[in-house]
Amino acid sequence: MFGYLKSLGVSHIYPVSFGADITTWTYIKYIKQTGKTGLISQPCPAIVNYIEKYQPELIPMLMPLQSPMMDEAIYLKKYQGVKEELVFLSPCIAKKASFA
């Protein structure tokens, strides 16, 4: 897969695990700053969609931060100066909702 993407002109491939590190750091920082606990992590769009549709009373319990994918995209654009378009590949079909 990566070889095929390179053959199409992809210049860099970044694993989203770095974005997960950023997200973990922001969660810890948020909890320390606010003192809030018992919040629901929200990198999974399937869970967020479920809460929005069937348990809206839990919306205030969602952690009000970005997903690992978005944290990494922000980091790459803002701090690494990446100018090219970013593409996100995931085996999770629910991630499509993150772009809607």
PDB file of N, CA and C in Angstrom:
ATOM      1  N   MET A   1       0.826  -1.179   0.000  1.00  0.00           N
ATOM      2  CA  MET A   1       0.000   0.000   0.000  1.00  0.00           C
ATOM      3  C   MET A   1       0.879   1.255   0.000  1.00  0.00           C
ATOM      4  N   PHE A   2       1.850   1.303   0.894  1.00  0.00           N
ATOM      5  CA  PHE A   2       2.692   2.500   0.971  1.00  0.00           C
ATOM      6  C   PHE A   2       3.500   2.698  -0.310  1.00  0.00           C
ATOM      7  N   GLY A   3       3.989   1.595  -0.889  1.00  0.00           N
ATOM      8  CA  GLY A   3       4.714   1.689  -2.156  1.00  0.00           C
ATOM      9  C   GLY A   3       3.830   2.231  -3.259  1.00  0.00           C
ATOM     10  N   TYR A   4       2.599   1.776  -3.295  1.00  0.00           N
ATOM     11  CA  TYR A   4       1.656   2.263  -4.299  1.00  0.00           C
ATOM     12  C   TYR A   4       1.403   3.759  -4.111  1.00  0.00           C
ATOM     13  N   LEU A   5       1.209   4.175  -2.870  1.00  0.00           N
ATOM     14  CA  LEU A   5       0.983   5.598  -2.610  1.00  0.00           C
ATOM     15  C   LEU A   5       2.190   6.429  -3.030  1.00  0.00           C
ATOM     16  N   LYS A   6       3.377   5.928  -2.746  1.00  0.00           N
ATOM     17  CA  LYS A   6       4.603   6.637  -3.157  1.00  0.00           C
ATOM     18  C   LYS A   6       4.657   6.751  -4.682  1.00  0.00           C
ATOM     19  N   SER A   7       4.238   5.670  -5.370  1.00  0.00           N
ATOM     20  CA  SER A   7       4.263   5.700  -6.833  1.00  0.00           C
ATOM     21  C   SER A   7       3.277   6.724  -7.396  1.00  0.00           C
ATOM     22  N   LEU A   8       2.279   7.079  -6.609  1.00  0.00           N
ATOM     23  CA  LEU A   8       1.299   8.092  -7.017  1.00  0.00           C
ATOM     24  C   LEU A   8       1.774   9.511  -6.705  1.00  0.00           C
ATOM     25  N   GLY A   9       2.927   9.611  -6.027  1.00  0.00           N
ATOM     26  CA  GLY A   9       3.465  10.926  -5.733  1.00  0.00           C
ATOM     27  C   GLY A   9       3.393  11.347  -4.274  1.00  0.00           C
ATOM     28  N   VAL A  10       2.928  10.460  -3.414  1.00  0.00           N
ATOM     29  CA  VAL A  10       2.899  10.783  -1.988  1.00  0.00           C
ATOM     30  C   VAL A  10       4.334  10.957  -1.507  1.00  0.00           C
ATOM     31  N   SER A  11       4.613  12.087  -0.861  1.00  0.00           N
ATOM     32  CA  SER A  11       5.997  12.369  -0.466  1.00  0.00           C
ATOM     33  C   SER A  11       6.299  11.960   0.973  1.00  0.00           C
ATOM     34  N   HIS A  12       5.303  11.993   1.844  1.00  0.00           N
ATOM     35  CA  HIS A  12       5.526  11.637   3.243  1.00  0.00           C
ATOM     36  C   HIS A  12       4.335  10.836   3.766  1.00  0.00           C
ATOM     37  N   ILE A  13       4.631   9.907   4.663  1.00  0.00           N
ATOM     38  CA  ILE A  13       3.588   9.125   5.329  1.00  0.00           C
ATOM     39  C   ILE A  13       3.831   9.266   6.830  1.00  0.00           C
ATOM     40  N   TYR A  14       2.815   9.743   7.538  1.00  0.00           N
ATOM     41  CA  TYR A  14       2.920   9.959   8.974  1.00  0.00           C
ATOM     42  C   TYR A  14       1.961   9.026   9.697  1.00  0.00           C
ATOM     43  N   PRO A  15       2.432   8.262  10.661  1.00  0.00           N
ATOM     44  CA  PRO A  15       1.508   7.427  11.435  1.00  0.00           C
ATOM     45  C   PRO A  15       0.717   8.289  12.411  1.00  0.00           C
ATOM     46  N   VAL A  16      -0.547   7.994  12.575  1.00  0.00           N
ATOM     47  CA  VAL A  16      -1.402   8.810  13.444  1.00  0.00           C
ATOM     48  C   VAL A  16      -1.091   8.575  14.921  1.00  0.00           C
ATOM     49  N   SER A  17      -0.215   7.632  15.215  1.00  0.00           N
ATOM     50  CA  SER A  17       0.146   7.389  16.616  1.00  0.00           C
ATOM     51  C   SER A  17       0.766   8.631  17.250  1.00  0.00           C
ATOM     52  N   PHE A  18       1.456   9.455  16.471  1.00  0.00           N
ATOM     53  CA  PHE A  18       1.994  10.699  17.006  1.00  0.00           C
ATOM     54  C   PHE A  18       0.854  11.636  17.397  1.00  0.00           C
ATOM     55  N   GLY A  19      -0.187  11.669  16.584  1.00  0.00           N
ATOM     56  CA  GLY A  19      -1.368  12.462  16.925  1.00  0.00           C
ATOM     57  C   GLY A  19      -2.014  11.969  18.210  1.00  0.00           C
ATOM     58  N   ALA A  20      -1.983  10.660  18.432  1.00  0.00           N
ATOM     59  CA  ALA A  20      -2.526  10.097  19.672  1.00  0.00           C
ATOM     60  C   ALA A  20      -1.708  10.566  20.871  1.00  0.00           C
ATOM     61  N   ASP A  21      -0.402  10.692  20.708  1.00  0.00           N
ATOM     62  CA  ASP A  21       0.440  11.225  21.784  1.00  0.00           C
ATOM     63  C   ASP A  21       0.051  12.667  22.100  1.00  0.00           C
ATOM     64  N   ILE A  22      -0.164  13.454  21.069  1.00  0.00           N
ATOM     65  CA  ILE A  22      -0.569  14.851  21.269  1.00  0.00           C
ATOM     66  C   ILE A  22      -1.916  14.900  21.993  1.00  0.00           C
ATOM     67  N   THR A  23      -2.856  14.075  21.545  1.00  0.00           N
ATOM     68  CA  THR A  23      -4.188  14.050  22.154  1.00  0.00           C
ATOM     69  C   THR A  23      -4.113  13.645  23.618  1.00  0.00           C
ATOM     70  N   THR A  24      -3.297  12.644  23.921  1.00  0.00           N
ATOM     71  CA  THR A  24      -3.137  12.222  25.318  1.00  0.00           C
ATOM     72  C   THR A  24      -2.610  13.381  26.158  1.00  0.00           C
ATOM     73  N   TRP A  25      -1.613  14.097  25.625  1.00  0.00           N
ATOM     74  CA  TRP A  25      -1.059  15.252  26.331  1.00  0.00           C
ATOM     75  C   TRP A  25      -2.140  16.308  26.570  1.00  0.00           C
ATOM     76  N   THR A  26      -2.968  16.582  25.542  1.00  0.00           N
ATOM     77  CA  THR A  26      -4.008  17.608  25.712  1.00  0.00           C
ATOM     78  C   THR A  26      -5.076  17.152  26.709  1.00  0.00           C
ATOM     79  N   TYR A  27      -5.388  15.855  26.740  1.00  0.00           N
ATOM     80  CA  TYR A  27      -6.354  15.346  27.717  1.00  0.00           C
ATOM     81  C   TYR A  27      -5.823  15.555  29.132  1.00  0.00           C
ATOM     82  N   ILE A  28      -4.562  15.191  29.347  1.00  0.00           N
ATOM     83  CA  ILE A  28      -3.958  15.349  30.676  1.00  0.00           C
ATOM     84  C   ILE A  28      -3.945  16.824  31.074  1.00  0.00           C
ATOM     85  N   LYS A  29      -3.544  17.688  30.157  1.00  0.00           N
ATOM     86  CA  LYS A  29      -3.508  19.128  30.425  1.00  0.00           C
ATOM     87  C   LYS A  29      -4.900  19.648  30.767  1.00  0.00           C
ATOM     88  N   TYR A  30      -5.907  19.238  29.993  1.00  0.00           N
ATOM     89  CA  TYR A  30      -7.284  19.679  30.231  1.00  0.00           C
ATOM     90  C   TYR A  30      -7.769  19.244  31.610  1.00  0.00           C
ATOM     91  N   ILE A  31      -7.520  17.994  31.958  1.00  0.00           N
ATOM     92  CA  ILE A  31      -7.963  17.475  33.260  1.00  0.00           C
ATOM     93  C   ILE A  31      -7.269  18.230  34.393  1.00  0.00           C
ATOM     94  N   LYS A  32      -5.973  18.476  34.252  1.00  0.00           N
ATOM     95  CA  LYS A  32      -5.237  19.217  35.290  1.00  0.00           C
ATOM     96  C   LYS A  32      -5.759  20.653  35.422  1.00  0.00           C
ATOM     97  N   GLN A  33      -6.070  21.293  34.297  1.00  0.00           N
ATOM     98  CA  GLN A  33      -6.522  22.692  34.320  1.00  0.00           C
ATOM     99  C   GLN A  33      -7.948  22.843  34.844  1.00  0.00           C
ATOM    100  N   THR A  34      -8.808  21.891  34.508  1.00  0.00           N
ATOM    101  CA  THR A  34     -10.224  22.030  34.866  1.00  0.00           C
ATOM    102  C   THR A  34     -10.624  21.231  36.093  1.00  0.00           C
ATOM    103  N   GLY A  35      -9.863  20.186  36.405  1.00  0.00           N
ATOM    104  CA  GLY A  35     -10.227  19.310  37.514  1.00  0.00           C
ATOM    105  C   GLY A  35     -11.360  18.360  37.174  1.00  0.00           C
ATOM    106  N   LYS A  36     -11.833  18.408  35.945  1.00  0.00           N
ATOM    107  CA  LYS A  36     -12.935  17.527  35.526  1.00  0.00           C
ATOM    108  C   LYS A  36     -12.421  16.104  35.308  1.00  0.00           C
ATOM    109  N   THR A  37     -13.209  15.142  35.734  1.00  0.00           N
ATOM    110  CA  THR A  37     -12.887  13.733  35.513  1.00  0.00           C
ATOM    111  C   THR A  37     -14.153  13.012  35.049  1.00  0.00           C
ATOM    112  N   GLY A  38     -13.990  11.780  34.632  1.00  0.00           N
ATOM    113  CA  GLY A  38     -15.138  10.991  34.202  1.00  0.00           C
ATOM    114  C   GLY A  38     -15.678  11.395  32.845  1.00  0.00           C
ATOM    115  N   LEU A  39     -14.867  12.067  32.054  1.00  0.00           N
ATOM    116  CA  LEU A  39     -15.293  12.492  30.718  1.00  0.00           C
ATOM    117  C   LEU A  39     -15.110  11.366  29.709  1.00  0.00           C
ATOM    118  N   ILE A  40     -15.774  11.474  28.593  1.00  0.00           N
ATOM    119  CA  ILE A  40     -15.727  10.449  27.548  1.00  0.00           C
ATOM    120  C   ILE A  40     -14.774  10.906  26.457  1.00  0.00           C
ATOM    121  N   SER A  41     -13.787  10.093  26.189  1.00  0.00           N
ATOM    122  CA  SER A  41     -12.844  10.369  25.114  1.00  0.00           C
ATOM    123  C   SER A  41     -13.592  10.295  23.793  1.00  0.00           C
ATOM    124  N   GLN A  42     -13.237  11.151  22.825  1.00  0.00           N
ATOM    125  CA  GLN A  42     -14.046  11.190  21.608  1.00  0.00           C
ATOM    126  C   GLN A  42     -13.320  10.979  20.290  1.00  0.00           C
ATOM    127  N   PRO A  43     -12.193  10.230  20.229  1.00  0.00           N
ATOM    128  CA  PRO A  43     -11.613  10.020  18.905  1.00  0.00           C
ATOM    129  C   PRO A  43     -12.427   9.066  18.028  1.00  0.00           C
ATOM    130  N   CYS A  44     -13.388   8.374  18.605  1.00  0.00           N
ATOM    131  CA  CYS A  44     -14.175   7.407  17.835  1.00  0.00           C
ATOM    132  C   CYS A  44     -15.483   8.044  17.374  1.00  0.00           C
ATOM    133  N   PRO A  45     -15.617   8.322  16.069  1.00  0.00           N
ATOM    134  CA  PRO A  45     -16.848   8.950  15.593  1.00  0.00           C
ATOM    135  C   PRO A  45     -18.089   8.080  15.790  1.00  0.00           C
ATOM    136  N   ALA A  46     -17.923   6.769  15.820  1.00  0.00           N
ATOM    137  CA  ALA A  46     -19.086   5.903  16.037  1.00  0.00           C
ATOM    138  C   ALA A  46     -19.677   6.152  17.423  1.00  0.00           C
ATOM    139  N   ILE A  47     -18.836   6.326  18.414  1.00  0.00           N
ATOM    140  CA  ILE A  47     -19.317   6.595  19.774  1.00  0.00           C
ATOM    141  C   ILE A  47     -19.939   7.989  19.841  1.00  0.00           C
ATOM    142  N   VAL A  48     -19.290   8.969  19.239  1.00  0.00           N
ATOM    143  CA  VAL A  48     -19.828  10.329  19.248  1.00  0.00           C
ATOM    144  C   VAL A  48     -21.184  10.355  18.539  1.00  0.00           C
ATOM    145  N   ASN A  49     -21.288   9.701  17.388  1.00  0.00           N
ATOM    146  CA  ASN A  49     -22.567   9.648  16.663  1.00  0.00           C
ATOM    147  C   ASN A  49     -23.650   8.973  17.501  1.00  0.00           C
ATOM    148  N   TYR A  50     -23.290   7.887  18.176  1.00  0.00           N
ATOM    149  CA  TYR A  50     -24.254   7.185  19.034  1.00  0.00           C
ATOM    150  C   TYR A  50     -24.754   8.127  20.135  1.00  0.00           C
ATOM    151  N   ILE A  51     -23.822   8.801  20.796  1.00  0.00           N
ATOM    152  CA  ILE A  51     -24.208   9.718  21.876  1.00  0.00           C
ATOM    153  C   ILE A  51     -25.097  10.834  21.331  1.00  0.00           C
ATOM    154  N   GLU A  52     -24.723  11.420  20.207  1.00  0.00           N
ATOM    155  CA  GLU A  52     -25.517  12.516  19.637  1.00  0.00           C
ATOM    156  C   GLU A  52     -26.929  12.065  19.286  1.00  0.00           C
ATOM    157  N   LYS A  53     -27.075  10.842  18.783  1.00  0.00           N
ATOM    158  CA  LYS A  53     -28.395  10.358  18.343  1.00  0.00           C
ATOM    159  C   LYS A  53     -29.229   9.740  19.452  1.00  0.00           C
ATOM    160  N   TYR A  54     -28.591   8.960  20.338  1.00  0.00           N
ATOM    161  CA  TYR A  54     -29.353   8.149  21.282  1.00  0.00           C
ATOM    162  C   TYR A  54     -29.152   8.518  22.756  1.00  0.00           C
ATOM    163  N   GLN A  55     -28.106   9.237  23.077  1.00  0.00           N
ATOM    164  CA  GLN A  55     -27.840   9.614  24.465  1.00  0.00           C
ATOM    165  C   GLN A  55     -27.409  11.084  24.545  1.00  0.00           C
ATOM    166  N   PRO A  56     -28.178  12.000  24.001  1.00  0.00           N
ATOM    167  CA  PRO A  56     -27.733  13.401  23.937  1.00  0.00           C
ATOM    168  C   PRO A  56     -27.422  14.005  25.312  1.00  0.00           C
ATOM    169  N   GLU A  57     -27.968  13.435  26.362  1.00  0.00           N
ATOM    170  CA  GLU A  57     -27.658  13.946  27.700  1.00  0.00           C
ATOM    171  C   GLU A  57     -26.179  13.744  28.061  1.00  0.00           C
ATOM    172  N   LEU A  58     -25.482  12.885  27.308  1.00  0.00           N
ATOM    173  CA  LEU A  58     -24.055  12.641  27.551  1.00  0.00           C
ATOM    174  C   LEU A  58     -23.140  13.598  26.770  1.00  0.00           C
ATOM    175  N   ILE A  59     -23.697  14.400  25.892  1.00  0.00           N
ATOM    176  CA  ILE A  59     -22.873  15.322  25.096  1.00  0.00           C
ATOM    177  C   ILE A  59     -21.969  16.192  25.977  1.00  0.00           C
ATOM    178  N   PRO A  60     -22.468  16.746  27.082  1.00  0.00           N
ATOM    179  CA  PRO A  60     -21.579  17.555  27.929  1.00  0.00           C
ATOM    180  C   PRO A  60     -20.418  16.746  28.539  1.00  0.00           C
ATOM    181  N   MET A  61     -20.526  15.426  28.511  1.00  0.00           N
ATOM    182  CA  MET A  61     -19.472  14.572  29.070  1.00  0.00           C
ATOM    183  C   MET A  61     -18.376  14.251  28.049  1.00  0.00           C
ATOM    184  N   LEU A  62     -18.589  14.612  26.788  1.00  0.00           N
ATOM    185  CA  LEU A  62     -17.555  14.379  25.775  1.00  0.00           C
ATOM    186  C   LEU A  62     -16.388  15.329  26.013  1.00  0.00           C
ATOM    187  N   MET A  63     -15.194  14.812  25.937  1.00  0.00           N
ATOM    188  CA  MET A  63     -13.997  15.632  26.100  1.00  0.00           C
ATOM    189  C   MET A  63     -13.980  16.671  24.979  1.00  0.00           C
ATOM    190  N   PRO A  64     -13.910  17.958  25.294  1.00  0.00           N
ATOM    191  CA  PRO A  64     -14.012  19.004  24.263  1.00  0.00           C
ATOM    192  C   PRO A  64     -12.681  19.280  23.557  1.00  0.00           C
ATOM    193  N   LEU A  65     -12.071  18.241  23.036  1.00  0.00           N
ATOM    194  CA  LEU A  65     -10.772  18.364  22.385  1.00  0.00           C
ATOM    195  C   LEU A  65     -10.790  17.663  21.034  1.00  0.00           C
ATOM    196  N   GLN A  66      -9.738  17.870  20.257  1.00  0.00           N
ATOM    197  CA  GLN A  66      -9.634  17.281  18.921  1.00  0.00           C
ATOM    198  C   GLN A  66      -9.318  15.791  18.978  1.00  0.00           C
ATOM    199  N   SER A  67      -9.534  15.128  17.869  1.00  0.00           N
ATOM    200  CA  SER A  67      -9.157  13.722  17.720  1.00  0.00           C
ATOM    201  C   SER A  67      -7.661  13.631  17.388  1.00  0.00           C
ATOM    202  N   PRO A  68      -7.056  12.455  17.548  1.00  0.00           N
ATOM    203  CA  PRO A  68      -5.650  12.299  17.163  1.00  0.00           C
ATOM    204  C   PRO A  68      -5.384  12.699  15.714  1.00  0.00           C
ATOM    205  N   MET A  69      -6.297  12.368  14.829  1.00  0.00           N
ATOM    206  CA  MET A  69      -6.140  12.713  13.417  1.00  0.00           C
ATOM    207  C   MET A  69      -6.046  14.231  13.243  1.00  0.00           C
ATOM    208  N   MET A  70      -6.943  14.961  13.891  1.00  0.00           N
ATOM    209  CA  MET A  70      -6.943  16.416  13.768  1.00  0.00           C
ATOM    210  C   MET A  70      -5.747  17.039  14.486  1.00  0.00           C
ATOM    211  N   ASP A  71      -5.391  16.495  15.658  1.00  0.00           N
ATOM    212  CA  ASP A  71      -4.226  17.022  16.367  1.00  0.00           C
ATOM    213  C   ASP A  71      -2.967  16.889  15.523  1.00  0.00           C
ATOM    214  N   GLU A  72      -2.821  15.760  14.860  1.00  0.00           N
ATOM    215  CA  GLU A  72      -1.634  15.577  14.021  1.00  0.00           C
ATOM    216  C   GLU A  72      -1.664  16.492  12.800  1.00  0.00           C
ATOM    217  N   ALA A  73      -2.827  16.653  12.197  1.00  0.00           N
ATOM    218  CA  ALA A  73      -2.941  17.545  11.040  1.00  0.00           C
ATOM    219  C   ALA A  73      -2.587  18.984  11.432  1.00  0.00           C
ATOM    220  N   ILE A  74      -3.083  19.424  12.568  1.00  0.00           N
ATOM    221  CA  ILE A  74      -2.763  20.777  13.052  1.00  0.00           C
ATOM    222  C   ILE A  74      -1.266  20.903  13.296  1.00  0.00           C
ATOM    223  N   TYR A  75      -0.683  19.903  13.944  1.00  0.00           N
ATOM    224  CA  TYR A  75       0.754  19.928  14.223  1.00  0.00           C
ATOM    225  C   TYR A  75       1.569  19.988  12.933  1.00  0.00           C
ATOM    226  N   LEU A  76       1.222  19.147  11.972  1.00  0.00           N
ATOM    227  CA  LEU A  76       1.973  19.115  10.720  1.00  0.00           C
ATOM    228  C   LEU A  76       1.884  20.443   9.976  1.00  0.00           C
ATOM    229  N   LYS A  77       0.699  21.010   9.928  1.00  0.00           N
ATOM    230  CA  LYS A  77       0.512  22.269   9.200  1.00  0.00           C
ATOM    231  C   LYS A  77       1.133  23.457   9.947  1.00  0.00           C
ATOM    232  N   LYS A  78       0.861  23.544  11.240  1.00  0.00           N
ATOM    233  CA  LYS A  78       1.274  24.721  12.006  1.00  0.00           C
ATOM    234  C   LYS A  78       2.742  24.698  12.425  1.00  0.00           C
ATOM    235  N   TYR A  79       3.218  23.533  12.882  1.00  0.00           N
ATOM    236  CA  TYR A  79       4.558  23.486  13.460  1.00  0.00           C
ATOM    237  C   TYR A  79       5.620  22.869  12.546  1.00  0.00           C
ATOM    238  N   GLN A  80       5.191  22.040  11.613  1.00  0.00           N
ATOM    239  CA  GLN A  80       6.145  21.440  10.690  1.00  0.00           C
ATOM    240  C   GLN A  80       6.122  22.119   9.321  1.00  0.00           C
ATOM    241  N   GLY A  81       5.189  23.022   9.110  1.00  0.00           N
ATOM    242  CA  GLY A  81       5.130  23.776   7.872  1.00  0.00           C
ATOM    243  C   GLY A  81       4.738  22.970   6.647  1.00  0.00           C
ATOM    244  N   VAL A  82       4.019  21.880   6.840  1.00  0.00           N
ATOM    245  CA  VAL A  82       3.571  21.063   5.711  1.00  0.00           C
ATOM    246  C   VAL A  82       2.562  21.861   4.906  1.00  0.00           C
ATOM    247  N   LYS A  83       2.835  22.031   3.633  1.00  0.00           N
ATOM    248  CA  LYS A  83       1.959  22.817   2.749  1.00  0.00           C
ATOM    249  C   LYS A  83       1.065  21.925   1.889  1.00  0.00           C
ATOM    250  N   GLU A  84       1.487  20.688   1.678  1.00  0.00           N
ATOM    251  CA  GLU A  84       0.732  19.777   0.819  1.00  0.00           C
ATOM    252  C   GLU A  84      -0.597  19.385   1.475  1.00  0.00           C
ATOM    253  N   GLU A  85      -1.501  18.901   0.635  1.00  0.00           N
ATOM    254  CA  GLU A  85      -2.755  18.365   1.156  1.00  0.00           C
ATOM    255  C   GLU A  85      -2.460  17.149   2.002  1.00  0.00           C
ATOM    256  N   LEU A  86      -3.269  16.951   3.032  1.00  0.00           N
ATOM    257  CA  LEU A  86      -3.136  15.770   3.875  1.00  0.00           C
ATOM    258  C   LEU A  86      -4.265  14.806   3.550  1.00  0.00           C
ATOM    259  N   VAL A  87      -3.947  13.534   3.578  1.00  0.00           N
ATOM    260  CA  VAL A  87      -4.928  12.486   3.347  1.00  0.00           C
ATOM    261  C   VAL A  87      -4.875  11.546   4.529  1.00  0.00           C
ATOM    262  N   PHE A  88      -6.023  11.150   5.020  1.00  0.00           N
ATOM    263  CA  PHE A  88      -6.083  10.250   6.157  1.00  0.00           C
ATOM    264  C   PHE A  88      -6.649   8.913   5.712  1.00  0.00           C
ATOM    265  N   LEU A  89      -5.934   7.846   5.996  1.00  0.00           N
ATOM    266  CA  LEU A  89      -6.399   6.497   5.680  1.00  0.00           C
ATOM    267  C   LEU A  89      -6.701   5.762   6.973  1.00  0.00           C
ATOM    268  N   SER A  90      -7.845   5.119   7.029  1.00  0.00           N
ATOM    269  CA  SER A  90      -8.241   4.382   8.227  1.00  0.00           C
ATOM    270  C   SER A  90      -9.082   3.178   7.825  1.00  0.00           C
ATOM    271  N   PRO A  91      -8.956   2.081   8.562  1.00  0.00           N
ATOM    272  CA  PRO A  91      -9.825   0.937   8.297  1.00  0.00           C
ATOM    273  C   PRO A  91     -11.228   1.132   8.883  1.00  0.00           C
ATOM    274  N   CYS A  92     -11.430   2.201   9.632  1.00  0.00           N
ATOM    275  CA  CYS A  92     -12.711   2.432  10.298  1.00  0.00           C
ATOM    276  C   CYS A  92     -13.632   3.258   9.412  1.00  0.00           C
ATOM    277  N   ILE A  93     -14.736   2.673   9.000  1.00  0.00           N
ATOM    278  CA  ILE A  93     -15.684   3.374   8.134  1.00  0.00           C
ATOM    279  C   ILE A  93     -16.346   4.549   8.839  1.00  0.00           C
ATOM    280  N   ALA A  94     -16.427   4.500  10.163  1.00  0.00           N
ATOM    281  CA  ALA A  94     -17.061   5.586  10.916  1.00  0.00           C
ATOM    282  C   ALA A  94     -16.238   6.868  10.863  1.00  0.00           C
ATOM    283  N   LYS A  95     -14.951   6.780  10.566  1.00  0.00           N
ATOM    284  CA  LYS A  95     -14.116   7.974  10.477  1.00  0.00           C
ATOM    285  C   LYS A  95     -14.603   8.937   9.399  1.00  0.00           C
ATOM    286  N   LYS A  96     -15.363   8.412   8.438  1.00  0.00           N
ATOM    287  CA  LYS A  96     -15.915   9.263   7.378  1.00  0.00           C
ATOM    288  C   LYS A  96     -16.722  10.412   7.986  1.00  0.00           C
ATOM    289  N   ALA A  97     -17.354  10.149   9.117  1.00  0.00           N
ATOM    290  CA  ALA A  97     -18.169  11.180   9.778  1.00  0.00           C
ATOM    291  C   ALA A  97     -17.314  12.336  10.276  1.00  0.00           C
ATOM    292  N   SER A  98     -16.032  12.111  10.478  1.00  0.00           N
ATOM    293  CA  SER A  98     -15.137  13.172  10.955  1.00  0.00           C
ATOM    294  C   SER A  98     -14.948  14.257   9.913  1.00  0.00           C
ATOM    295  N   PHE A  99     -15.256  13.960   8.667  1.00  0.00           N
ATOM    296  CA  PHE A  99     -15.033  14.907   7.581  1.00  0.00           C
ATOM    297  C   PHE A  99     -16.312  15.528   7.075  1.00  0.00           C
ATOM    298  N   ALA A 100     -17.440  15.119   7.613  1.00  0.00           N
ATOM    299  CA  ALA A 100     -18.739  15.609   7.128  1.00  0.00           C
ATOM    300  C   ALA A 100     -19.022  17.011   7.596  1.00  0.00           C
TER     301      ALA A 100
END
